[in-house]
Amino acid sequence: ILSMATSVFAVAPTMEIVEDNVCKIDLNDASTFEKKIVASNLENHQV
């Protein structure tokens, strides 16, 4: 039973994007800064 429990169900984390927020800062009326996710490889745990 112990062997089956530990071999059939094991913890292996994957990655997900929970909130794809864009950080936007207006420096003045004509200039802005942005920080955002532009690509992801969730299987390899990378953004």
All heavy atoms as atom14 arrays in JSON, in Angstrom:
{
  "sequence": "ILSMATSVFAVAPTMEIVEDNVCKIDLNDASTFEKKIVASNLENHQV",
  "atom14_mask": [
    [1, 1, 1, 1, 1, 1, 1, 1, 0, 0, 0, 0, 0, 0],
    [1, 1, 1, 1, 1, 1, 1, 1, 0, 0, 0, 0, 0, 0],
    [1, 1, 1, 1, 1, 1, 0, 0, 0, 0, 0, 0, 0, 0],
    [1, 1, 1, 1, 1, 1, 1, 1, 0, 0, 0, 0, 0, 0],
    [1, 1, 1, 1, 1, 0, 0, 0, 0, 0, 0, 0, 0, 0],
    [1, 1, 1, 1, 1, 1, 1, 0, 0, 0, 0, 0, 0, 0],
    [1, 1, 1, 1, 1, 1, 0, 0, 0, 0, 0, 0, 0, 0],
    [1, 1, 1, 1, 1, 1, 1, 0, 0, 0, 0, 0, 0, 0],
    [1, 1, 1, 1, 1, 1, 1, 1, 1, 1, 1, 0, 0, 0],
    [1, 1, 1, 1, 1, 0, 0, 0, 0, 0, 0, 0, 0, 0],
    [1, 1, 1, 1, 1, 1, 1, 0, 0, 0, 0, 0, 0, 0],
    [1, 1, 1, 1, 1, 0, 0, 0, 0, 0, 0, 0, 0, 0],
    [1, 1, 1, 1, 1, 1, 1, 0, 0, 0, 0, 0, 0, 0],
    [1, 1, 1, 1, 1, 1, 1, 0, 0, 0, 0, 0, 0, 0],
    [1, 1, 1, 1, 1, 1, 1, 1, 0, 0, 0, 0, 0, 0],
    [1, 1, 1, 1, 1, 1, 1, 1, 1, 0, 0, 0, 0, 0],
    [1, 1, 1, 1, 1, 1, 1, 1, 0, 0, 0, 0, 0, 0],
    [1, 1, 1, 1, 1, 1, 1, 0, 0, 0, 0, 0, 0, 0],
    [1, 1, 1, 1, 1, 1, 1, 1, 1, 0, 0, 0, 0, 0],
    [1, 1, 1, 1, 1, 1, 1, 1, 0, 0, 0, 0, 0, 0],
    [1, 1, 1, 1, 1, 1, 1, 1, 0, 0, 0, 0, 0, 0],
    [1, 1, 1, 1, 1, 1, 1, 0, 0, 0, 0, 0, 0, 0],
    [1, 1, 1, 1, 1, 1, 0, 0, 0, 0, 0, 0, 0, 0],
    [1, 1, 1, 1, 1, 1, 1, 1, 1, 0, 0, 0, 0, 0],
    [1, 1, 1, 1, 1, 1, 1, 1, 0, 0, 0, 0, 0, 0],
    [1, 1, 1, 1, 1, 1, 1, 1, 0, 0, 0, 0, 0, 0],
    [1, 1, 1, 1, 1, 1, 1, 1, 0, 0, 0, 0, 0, 0],
    [1, 1, 1, 1, 1, 1, 1, 1, 0, 0, 0, 0, 0, 0],
    [1, 1, 1, 1, 1, 1, 1, 1, 0, 0, 0, 0, 0, 0],
    [1, 1, 1, 1, 1, 0, 0, 0, 0, 0, 0, 0, 0, 0],
    [1, 1, 1, 1, 1, 1, 0, 0, 0, 0, 0, 0, 0, 0],
    [1, 1, 1, 1, 1, 1, 1, 0, 0, 0, 0, 0, 0, 0],
    [1, 1, 1, 1, 1, 1, 1, 1, 1, 1, 1, 0, 0, 0],
    [1, 1, 1, 1, 1, 1, 1, 1, 1, 0, 0, 0, 0, 0],
    [1, 1, 1, 1, 1, 1, 1, 1, 1, 0, 0, 0, 0, 0],
    [1, 1, 1, 1, 1, 1, 1, 1, 1, 0, 0, 0, 0, 0],
    [1, 1, 1, 1, 1, 1, 1, 1, 0, 0, 0, 0, 0, 0],
    [1, 1, 1, 1, 1, 1, 1, 0, 0, 0, 0, 0, 0, 0],
    [1, 1, 1, 1, 1, 0, 0, 0, 0, 0, 0, 0, 0, 0],
    [1, 1, 1, 1, 1, 1, 0, 0, 0, 0, 0, 0, 0, 0],
    [1, 1, 1, 1, 1, 1, 1, 1, 0, 0, 0, 0, 0, 0],
    [1, 1, 1, 1, 1, 1, 1, 1, 0, 0, 0, 0, 0, 0],
    [1, 1, 1, 1, 1, 1, 1, 1, 1, 0, 0, 0, 0, 0],
    [1, 1, 1, 1, 1, 1, 1, 1, 0, 0, 0, 0, 0, 0],
    [1, 1, 1, 1, 1, 1, 1, 1, 1, 1, 0, 0, 0, 0],
    [1, 1, 1, 1, 1, 1, 1, 1, 1, 0, 0, 0, 0, 0],
    [1, 1, 1, 1, 1, 1, 1, 0, 0, 0, 0, 0, 0, 0]
  ],
  "atom14_positions": [
    [[0.83, -1.22, 0.0], [0.0, 0.0, 0.0], [0.86, 1.26, 0.0], [0.64, 2.22, -0.74], [-0.94, 0.0, 1.21], [-1.97, -1.12, 1.07], [-1.65, 1.35, 1.35], [-2.81, -1.33, 2.32], [0.0, 0.0, 0.0], [0.0, 0.0, 0.0], [0.0, 0.0, 0.0], [0.0, 0.0, 0.0], [0.0, 0.0, 0.0], [0.0, 0.0, 0.0]],
    [[1.9, 1.26, 0.85], [2.82, 2.41, 0.93], [3.51, 2.64, -0.4], [3.67, 3.77, -0.87], [3.84, 2.17, 2.04], [4.78, 3.32, 2.37], [3.99, 4.55, 2.81], [5.76, 2.89, 3.45], [0.0, 0.0, 0.0], [0.0, 0.0, 0.0], [0.0, 0.0, 0.0], [0.0, 0.0, 0.0], [0.0, 0.0, 0.0], [0.0, 0.0, 0.0]],
    [[3.93, 1.54, -1.03], [4.62, 1.64, -2.31], [3.71, 2.21, -3.38], [4.09, 3.08, -4.16], [5.14, 0.28, -2.74], [5.73, 0.36, -4.02], [0.0, 0.0, 0.0], [0.0, 0.0, 0.0], [0.0, 0.0, 0.0], [0.0, 0.0, 0.0], [0.0, 0.0, 0.0], [0.0, 0.0, 0.0], [0.0, 0.0, 0.0], [0.0, 0.0, 0.0]],
    [[2.47, 1.72, -3.43], [1.52, 2.22, -4.4], [1.21, 3.69, -4.18], [1.14, 4.49, -5.11], [0.23, 1.4, -4.33], [0.37, -0.03, -4.85], [-1.15, -0.95, -4.61], [-2.24, -0.03, -5.67], [0.0, 0.0, 0.0], [0.0, 0.0, 0.0], [0.0, 0.0, 0.0], [0.0, 0.0, 0.0], [0.0, 0.0, 0.0], [0.0, 0.0, 0.0]],
    [[1.03, 4.06, -2.93], [0.68, 5.45, -2.62], [1.78, 6.4, -3.03], [1.53, 7.5, -3.49], [0.4, 5.59, -1.13], [0.0, 0.0, 0.0], [0.0, 0.0, 0.0], [0.0, 0.0, 0.0], [0.0, 0.0, 0.0], [0.0, 0.0, 0.0], [0.0, 0.0, 0.0], [0.0, 0.0, 0.0], [0.0, 0.0, 0.0], [0.0, 0.0, 0.0]],
    [[3.03, 5.99, -2.85], [4.14, 6.9, -3.12], [4.59, 6.83, -4.56], [5.23, 7.75, -5.05], [5.33, 6.57, -2.21], [5.66, 5.2, -2.4], [4.98, 6.84, -0.77], [0.0, 0.0, 0.0], [0.0, 0.0, 0.0], [0.0, 0.0, 0.0], [0.0, 0.0, 0.0], [0.0, 0.0, 0.0], [0.0, 0.0, 0.0], [0.0, 0.0, 0.0]],
    [[4.27, 5.77, -5.27], [4.73, 5.67, -6.65], [3.69, 6.15, -7.64], [4.0, 6.68, -8.68], [5.11, 4.23, -6.98], [3.97, 3.39, -6.87], [0.0, 0.0, 0.0], [0.0, 0.0, 0.0], [0.0, 0.0, 0.0], [0.0, 0.0, 0.0], [0.0, 0.0, 0.0], [0.0, 0.0, 0.0], [0.0, 0.0, 0.0], [0.0, 0.0, 0.0]],
    [[2.43, 6.03, -7.29], [1.38, 6.44, -8.22], [1.09, 7.92, -8.1], [0.82, 8.61, -9.08], [0.1, 5.62, -7.97], [-1.03, 6.11, -8.88], [0.37, 4.15, -8.22], [0.0, 0.0, 0.0], [0.0, 0.0, 0.0], [0.0, 0.0, 0.0], [0.0, 0.0, 0.0], [0.0, 0.0, 0.0], [0.0, 0.0, 0.0], [0.0, 0.0, 0.0]],
    [[1.16, 8.49, -6.91], [0.84, 9.9, -6.72], [2.04, 10.61, -6.09], [2.3, 10.44, -4.91], [-0.39, 10.06, -5.83], [-1.61, 9.39, -6.41], [-2.03, 8.16, -5.95], [-2.29, 10.0, -7.44], [-3.15, 7.55, -6.49], [-3.41, 9.4, -8.0], [-3.84, 8.15, -7.53], [0.0, 0.0, 0.0], [0.0, 0.0, 0.0], [0.0, 0.0, 0.0]],
    [[2.78, 11.41, -6.9], [3.95, 12.12, -6.41], [3.82, 13.6, -6.77], [3.15, 13.96, -7.73], [5.22, 11.55, -7.03], [0.0, 0.0, 0.0], [0.0, 0.0, 0.0], [0.0, 0.0, 0.0], [0.0, 0.0, 0.0], [0.0, 0.0, 0.0], [0.0, 0.0, 0.0], [0.0, 0.0, 0.0], [0.0, 0.0, 0.0], [0.0, 0.0, 0.0]],
    [[4.49, 14.51, -6.02], [4.4, 15.95, -6.24], [5.43, 16.37, -7.28], [6.62, 16.15, -7.12], [4.66, 16.71, -4.92], [4.66, 18.22, -5.18], [3.6, 16.35, -3.89], [0.0, 0.0, 0.0], [0.0, 0.0, 0.0], [0.0, 0.0, 0.0], [0.0, 0.0, 0.0], [0.0, 0.0, 0.0], [0.0, 0.0, 0.0], [0.0, 0.0, 0.0]],
    [[4.96, 16.99, -8.41], [5.84, 17.51, -9.46], [5.27, 18.85, -9.88], [4.31, 18.9, -10.65], [5.9, 16.55, -10.64], [0.0, 0.0, 0.0], [0.0, 0.0, 0.0], [0.0, 0.0, 0.0], [0.0, 0.0, 0.0], [0.0, 0.0, 0.0], [0.0, 0.0, 0.0], [0.0, 0.0, 0.0], [0.0, 0.0, 0.0], [0.0, 0.0, 0.0]],
    [[5.82, 20.0, -9.4], [5.19, 21.3, -9.65], [5.31, 21.75, -11.1], [6.29, 21.47, -11.78], [5.96, 22.26, -8.73], [7.3, 21.63, -8.59], [7.04, 20.14, -8.6], [0.0, 0.0, 0.0], [0.0, 0.0, 0.0], [0.0, 0.0, 0.0], [0.0, 0.0, 0.0], [0.0, 0.0, 0.0], [0.0, 0.0, 0.0], [0.0, 0.0, 0.0]],
    [[4.28, 22.44, -11.57], [4.36, 23.14, -12.84], [4.13, 24.62, -12.56], [3.8, 25.0, -11.43], [3.31, 22.61, -13.83], [3.54, 23.2, -15.11], [1.9, 22.94, -13.36], [0.0, 0.0, 0.0], [0.0, 0.0, 0.0], [0.0, 0.0, 0.0], [0.0, 0.0, 0.0], [0.0, 0.0, 0.0], [0.0, 0.0, 0.0], [0.0, 0.0, 0.0]],
    [[4.32, 25.46, -13.59], [4.2, 26.91, -13.37], [2.99, 27.44, -14.11], [2.66, 26.98, -15.2], [5.48, 27.62, -13.86], [5.45, 29.14, -13.67], [6.9, 29.96, -14.37], [8.15, 29.51, -13.17], [0.0, 0.0, 0.0], [0.0, 0.0, 0.0], [0.0, 0.0, 0.0], [0.0, 0.0, 0.0], [0.0, 0.0, 0.0], [0.0, 0.0, 0.0]],
    [[2.35, 28.45, -13.52], [1.26, 29.15, -14.19], [1.39, 30.64, -13.91], [1.95, 31.06, -12.9], [-0.1, 28.64, -13.71], [-0.42, 28.95, -12.26], [-1.82, 28.5, -11.86], [-2.45, 27.82, -12.67], [-2.24, 28.84, -10.73], [0.0, 0.0, 0.0], [0.0, 0.0, 0.0], [0.0, 0.0, 0.0], [0.0, 0.0, 0.0], [0.0, 0.0, 0.0]],
    [[0.88, 31.43, -14.86], [0.83, 32.89, -14.69], [-0.5, 33.23, -14.05], [-1.56, 32.99, -14.63], [1.0, 33.62, -16.03], [2.37, 33.3, -16.64], [0.84, 35.13, -15.85], [2.56, 33.82, -18.05], [0.0, 0.0, 0.0], [0.0, 0.0, 0.0], [0.0, 0.0, 0.0], [0.0, 0.0, 0.0], [0.0, 0.0, 0.0], [0.0, 0.0, 0.0]],
    [[-0.45, 33.76, -12.85], [-1.66, 34.03, -12.09], [-2.27, 35.38, -12.5], [-3.46, 35.5, -12.75], [-1.37, 34.02, -10.58], [-2.64, 34.33, -9.79], [-0.79, 32.68, -10.16], [0.0, 0.0, 0.0], [0.0, 0.0, 0.0], [0.0, 0.0, 0.0], [0.0, 0.0, 0.0], [0.0, 0.0, 0.0], [0.0, 0.0, 0.0], [0.0, 0.0, 0.0]],
    [[-1.44, 36.39, -12.54], [-1.89, 37.74, -12.93], [-0.88, 38.32, -13.91], [0.27, 38.55, -13.56], [-2.01, 38.65, -11.7], [-3.09, 38.23, -10.72], [-3.17, 39.18, -9.52], [-2.71, 40.33, -9.65], [-3.67, 38.75, -8.47], [0.0, 0.0, 0.0], [0.0, 0.0, 0.0], [0.0, 0.0, 0.0], [0.0, 0.0, 0.0], [0.0, 0.0, 0.0]],
    [[-1.32, 38.52, -15.15], [-0.44, 39.06, -16.18], [-0.47, 40.59, -16.13], [-0.8, 41.26, -17.11], [-0.87, 38.55, -17.55], [0.19, 38.77, -18.61], [1.31, 39.19, -18.24], [-0.09, 38.53, -19.79], [0.0, 0.0, 0.0], [0.0, 0.0, 0.0], [0.0, 0.0, 0.0], [0.0, 0.0, 0.0], [0.0, 0.0, 0.0], [0.0, 0.0, 0.0]],
    [[-0.15, 41.14, -14.97], [-0.21, 42.59, -14.77], [0.85, 43.31, -15.59], [1.97, 42.82, -15.76], [0.0, 42.93, -13.29], [-1.08, 42.36, -12.41], [-2.23, 42.3, -12.8], [-0.7, 41.9, -11.23], [0.0, 0.0, 0.0], [0.0, 0.0, 0.0], [0.0, 0.0, 0.0], [0.0, 0.0, 0.0], [0.0, 0.0, 0.0], [0.0, 0.0, 0.0]],
    [[0.51, 44.49, -16.07], [1.47, 45.37, -16.72], [1.72, 46.55, -15.8], [0.79, 47.3, -15.48], [0.97, 45.86, -18.08], [1.96, 46.85, -18.69], [0.75, 44.68, -19.03], [0.0, 0.0, 0.0], [0.0, 0.0, 0.0], [0.0, 0.0, 0.0], [0.0, 0.0, 0.0], [0.0, 0.0, 0.0], [0.0, 0.0, 0.0], [0.0, 0.0, 0.0]],
    [[2.97, 46.69, -15.38], [3.34, 47.84, -14.55], [3.61, 49.02, -15.49], [4.54, 48.98, -16.28], [4.59, 47.52, -13.74], [5.29, 48.94, -12.88], [0.0, 0.0, 0.0], [0.0, 0.0, 0.0], [0.0, 0.0, 0.0], [0.0, 0.0, 0.0], [0.0, 0.0, 0.0], [0.0, 0.0, 0.0], [0.0, 0.0, 0.0], [0.0, 0.0, 0.0]],
    [[2.81, 50.05, -15.41], [2.96, 51.21, -16.27], [3.14, 52.46, -15.43], [2.33, 52.74, -14.54], [1.76, 51.38, -17.19], [1.9, 52.51, -18.21], [0.73, 52.54, -19.17], [0.89, 53.66, -20.18], [-0.24, 53.73, -21.13], [0.0, 0.0, 0.0], [0.0, 0.0, 0.0], [0.0, 0.0, 0.0], [0.0, 0.0, 0.0], [0.0, 0.0, 0.0]],
    [[4.2, 53.2, -15.71], [4.49, 54.44, -14.99], [4.58, 55.58, -16.0], [5.37, 55.51, -16.95], [5.83, 54.34, -14.22], [5.81, 53.17, -13.23], [6.12, 55.65, -13.48], [7.14, 52.92, -12.55], [0.0, 0.0, 0.0], [0.0, 0.0, 0.0], [0.0, 0.0, 0.0], [0.0, 0.0, 0.0], [0.0, 0.0, 0.0], [0.0, 0.0, 0.0]],
    [[3.76, 56.61, -15.83], [3.84, 57.8, -16.68], [4.91, 58.72, -16.12], [4.77, 59.28, -15.03], [2.49, 58.52, -16.71], [1.42, 57.71, -17.44], [1.77, 57.03, -18.42], [0.25, 57.76, -17.02], [0.0, 0.0, 0.0], [0.0, 0.0, 0.0], [0.0, 0.0, 0.0], [0.0, 0.0, 0.0], [0.0, 0.0, 0.0], [0.0, 0.0, 0.0]],
    [[6.0, 58.87, -16.88], [7.09, 59.74, -16.43], [6.73, 61.21, -16.64], [7.09, 62.07, -15.85], [8.37, 59.38, -17.17], [8.82, 57.91, -17.04], [10.12, 57.68, -17.78], [8.95, 57.51, -15.58], [0.0, 0.0, 0.0], [0.0, 0.0, 0.0], [0.0, 0.0, 0.0], [0.0, 0.0, 0.0], [0.0, 0.0, 0.0], [0.0, 0.0, 0.0]],
    [[6.07, 61.5, -17.76], [5.51, 62.82, -18.03], [4.4, 62.62, -19.06], [4.0, 61.48, -19.32], [6.58, 63.83, -18.5], [7.36, 63.3, -19.7], [6.82, 62.65, -20.58], [8.65, 63.59, -19.72], [0.0, 0.0, 0.0], [0.0, 0.0, 0.0], [0.0, 0.0, 0.0], [0.0, 0.0, 0.0], [0.0, 0.0, 0.0], [0.0, 0.0, 0.0]],
    [[3.92, 63.69, -19.66], [2.79, 63.57, -20.59], [3.14, 62.77, -21.84], [2.23, 62.27, -22.52], [2.29, 64.96, -21.01], [1.64, 65.71, -19.85], [1.24, 65.03, -18.88], [1.55, 66.94, -19.91], [0.0, 0.0, 0.0], [0.0, 0.0, 0.0], [0.0, 0.0, 0.0], [0.0, 0.0, 0.0], [0.0, 0.0, 0.0], [0.0, 0.0, 0.0]],
    [[4.42, 62.65, -22.14], [4.82, 62.0, -23.4], [5.69, 60.77, -23.21], [6.06, 60.13, -24.2], [5.55, 63.01, -24.29], [0.0, 0.0, 0.0], [0.0, 0.0, 0.0], [0.0, 0.0, 0.0], [0.0, 0.0, 0.0], [0.0, 0.0, 0.0], [0.0, 0.0, 0.0], [0.0, 0.0, 0.0], [0.0, 0.0, 0.0], [0.0, 0.0, 0.0]],
    [[6.03, 60.42, -21.98], [7.0, 59.33, -21.76], [6.46, 58.33, -20.74], [5.88, 58.73, -19.73], [8.34, 59.89, -21.27], [8.82, 60.88, -22.15], [0.0, 0.0, 0.0], [0.0, 0.0, 0.0], [0.0, 0.0, 0.0], [0.0, 0.0, 0.0], [0.0, 0.0, 0.0], [0.0, 0.0, 0.0], [0.0, 0.0, 0.0], [0.0, 0.0, 0.0]],
    [[6.68, 57.05, -21.02], [6.17, 56.0, -20.14], [7.21, 54.91, -19.91], [8.12, 54.72, -20.72], [4.92, 55.33, -20.74], [5.25, 54.77, -22.02], [3.78, 56.31, -20.87], [0.0, 0.0, 0.0], [0.0, 0.0, 0.0], [0.0, 0.0, 0.0], [0.0, 0.0, 0.0], [0.0, 0.0, 0.0], [0.0, 0.0, 0.0], [0.0, 0.0, 0.0]],
    [[7.03, 54.22, -18.79], [7.8, 53.01, -18.49], [6.82, 51.86, -18.37], [5.71, 52.02, -17.84], [8.56, 53.16, -17.17], [9.12, 51.86, -16.65], [10.35, 51.39, -17.08], [8.4, 51.1, -15.73], [10.85, 50.19, -16.63], [8.9, 49.91, -15.25], [10.13, 49.44, -15.7], [0.0, 0.0, 0.0], [0.0, 0.0, 0.0], [0.0, 0.0, 0.0]],
    [[7.22, 50.67, -18.88], [6.39, 49.48, -18.75], [7.23, 48.27, -18.33], [8.37, 48.13, -18.79], [5.69, 49.14, -20.07], [4.42, 49.92, -20.32], [3.61, 49.34, -21.47], [4.09, 48.42, -22.15], [2.49, 49.83, -21.68], [0.0, 0.0, 0.0], [0.0, 0.0, 0.0], [0.0, 0.0, 0.0], [0.0, 0.0, 0.0], [0.0, 0.0, 0.0]],
    [[6.63, 47.44, -17.47], [7.23, 46.16, -17.09], [6.14, 45.11, -17.27], [5.04, 45.23, -16.73], [7.7, 46.19, -15.64], [8.24, 44.87, -15.12], [8.58, 44.97, -13.63], [7.35, 45.25, -12.79], [7.66, 45.43, -11.36], [0.0, 0.0, 0.0], [0.0, 0.0, 0.0], [0.0, 0.0, 0.0], [0.0, 0.0, 0.0], [0.0, 0.0, 0.0]],
    [[6.44, 44.07, -18.05], [5.42, 43.05, -18.31], [6.08, 41.74, -18.74], [7.25, 41.71, -19.13], [4.46, 43.52, -19.39], [5.13, 43.8, -20.74], [4.13, 44.36, -21.74], [4.79, 44.69, -23.07], [3.81, 45.24, -24.05], [0.0, 0.0, 0.0], [0.0, 0.0, 0.0], [0.0, 0.0, 0.0], [0.0, 0.0, 0.0], [0.0, 0.0, 0.0]],
    [[5.3, 40.66, -18.67], [5.73, 39.37, -19.2], [5.5, 39.37, -20.7], [4.4, 39.67, -21.17], [4.95, 38.21, -18.54], [5.32, 38.09, -17.06], [5.24, 36.89, -19.26], [4.54, 37.02, -16.32], [0.0, 0.0, 0.0], [0.0, 0.0, 0.0], [0.0, 0.0, 0.0], [0.0, 0.0, 0.0], [0.0, 0.0, 0.0], [0.0, 0.0, 0.0]],
    [[6.53, 39.06, -21.47], [6.41, 39.05, -22.93], [6.51, 37.66, -23.52], [6.21, 37.45, -24.7], [7.47, 39.97, -23.58], [7.2, 41.42, -23.24], [8.88, 39.57, -23.16], [0.0, 0.0, 0.0], [0.0, 0.0, 0.0], [0.0, 0.0, 0.0], [0.0, 0.0, 0.0], [0.0, 0.0, 0.0], [0.0, 0.0, 0.0], [0.0, 0.0, 0.0]],
    [[6.97, 36.68, -22.72], [7.06, 35.29, -23.2], [7.11, 34.37, -22.0], [7.41, 34.79, -20.87], [8.3, 35.11, -24.08], [0.0, 0.0, 0.0], [0.0, 0.0, 0.0], [0.0, 0.0, 0.0], [0.0, 0.0, 0.0], [0.0, 0.0, 0.0], [0.0, 0.0, 0.0], [0.0, 0.0, 0.0], [0.0, 0.0, 0.0], [0.0, 0.0, 0.0]],
    [[6.81, 33.08, -22.23], [6.88, 32.11, -21.14], [7.12, 30.72, -21.7], [6.74, 30.4, -22.83], [5.58, 32.13, -20.32], [4.48, 31.74, -21.13], [0.0, 0.0, 0.0], [0.0, 0.0, 0.0], [0.0, 0.0, 0.0], [0.0, 0.0, 0.0], [0.0, 0.0, 0.0], [0.0, 0.0, 0.0], [0.0, 0.0, 0.0], [0.0, 0.0, 0.0]],
    [[7.79, 29.9, -20.9], [7.96, 28.47, -21.16], [7.62, 27.77, -19.85], [8.5, 27.43, -19.06], [9.39, 28.18, -21.6], [9.59, 26.74, -22.03], [8.79, 25.87, -21.69], [10.66, 26.49, -22.78], [0.0, 0.0, 0.0], [0.0, 0.0, 0.0], [0.0, 0.0, 0.0], [0.0, 0.0, 0.0], [0.0, 0.0, 0.0], [0.0, 0.0, 0.0]],
    [[6.32, 27.6, -19.62], [5.85, 27.16, -18.32], [6.28, 25.73, -17.99], [6.48, 25.39, -16.83], [4.32, 27.29, -18.25], [3.79, 28.73, -18.44], [2.28, 28.74, -18.36], [4.4, 29.67, -17.42], [0.0, 0.0, 0.0], [0.0, 0.0, 0.0], [0.0, 0.0, 0.0], [0.0, 0.0, 0.0], [0.0, 0.0, 0.0], [0.0, 0.0, 0.0]],
    [[6.43, 24.89, -19.01], [6.88, 23.52, -18.78], [8.27, 23.5, -18.18], [8.61, 22.61, -17.4], [6.83, 22.71, -20.07], [5.43, 22.44, -20.59], [5.45, 21.59, -21.85], [6.56, 21.23, -22.29], [4.37, 21.3, -22.39], [0.0, 0.0, 0.0], [0.0, 0.0, 0.0], [0.0, 0.0, 0.0], [0.0, 0.0, 0.0], [0.0, 0.0, 0.0]],
    [[9.08, 24.47, -18.58], [10.45, 24.57, -18.07], [10.56, 25.61, -16.95], [11.67, 26.05, -16.62], [11.43, 24.91, -19.19], [11.56, 23.78, -20.19], [11.52, 22.6, -19.82], [11.71, 24.12, -21.46], [0.0, 0.0, 0.0], [0.0, 0.0, 0.0], [0.0, 0.0, 0.0], [0.0, 0.0, 0.0], [0.0, 0.0, 0.0], [0.0, 0.0, 0.0]],
    [[9.42, 26.01, -16.4], [9.37, 26.92, -15.26], [10.1, 28.24, -15.55], [10.92, 28.7, -14.75], [9.98, 26.27, -14.01], [9.44, 24.9, -13.72], [10.16, 23.75, -13.93], [8.22, 24.5, -13.26], [9.43, 22.7, -13.6], [8.23, 23.13, -13.19], [0.0, 0.0, 0.0], [0.0, 0.0, 0.0], [0.0, 0.0, 0.0], [0.0, 0.0, 0.0]],
    [[9.79, 28.86, -16.69], [10.49, 30.08, -17.09], [9.51, 31.12, -17.63], [8.57, 30.8, -18.36], [11.52, 29.77, -18.18], [12.35, 30.97, -18.62], [13.3, 30.61, -19.75], [12.94, 30.68, -20.92], [14.51, 30.2, -19.39], [0.0, 0.0, 0.0], [0.0, 0.0, 0.0], [0.0, 0.0, 0.0], [0.0, 0.0, 0.0], [0.0, 0.0, 0.0]],
    [[9.73, 32.38, -17.24], [9.0, 33.52, -17.81], [10.02, 34.57, -18.24], [11.1, 34.68, -17.66], [7.99, 34.14, -16.82], [6.82, 33.21, -16.58], [8.67, 34.54, -15.52], [0.0, 0.0, 0.0], [0.0, 0.0, 0.0], [0.0, 0.0, 0.0], [0.0, 0.0, 0.0], [0.0, 0.0, 0.0], [0.0, 0.0, 0.0], [0.0, 0.0, 0.0]]
  ]
}
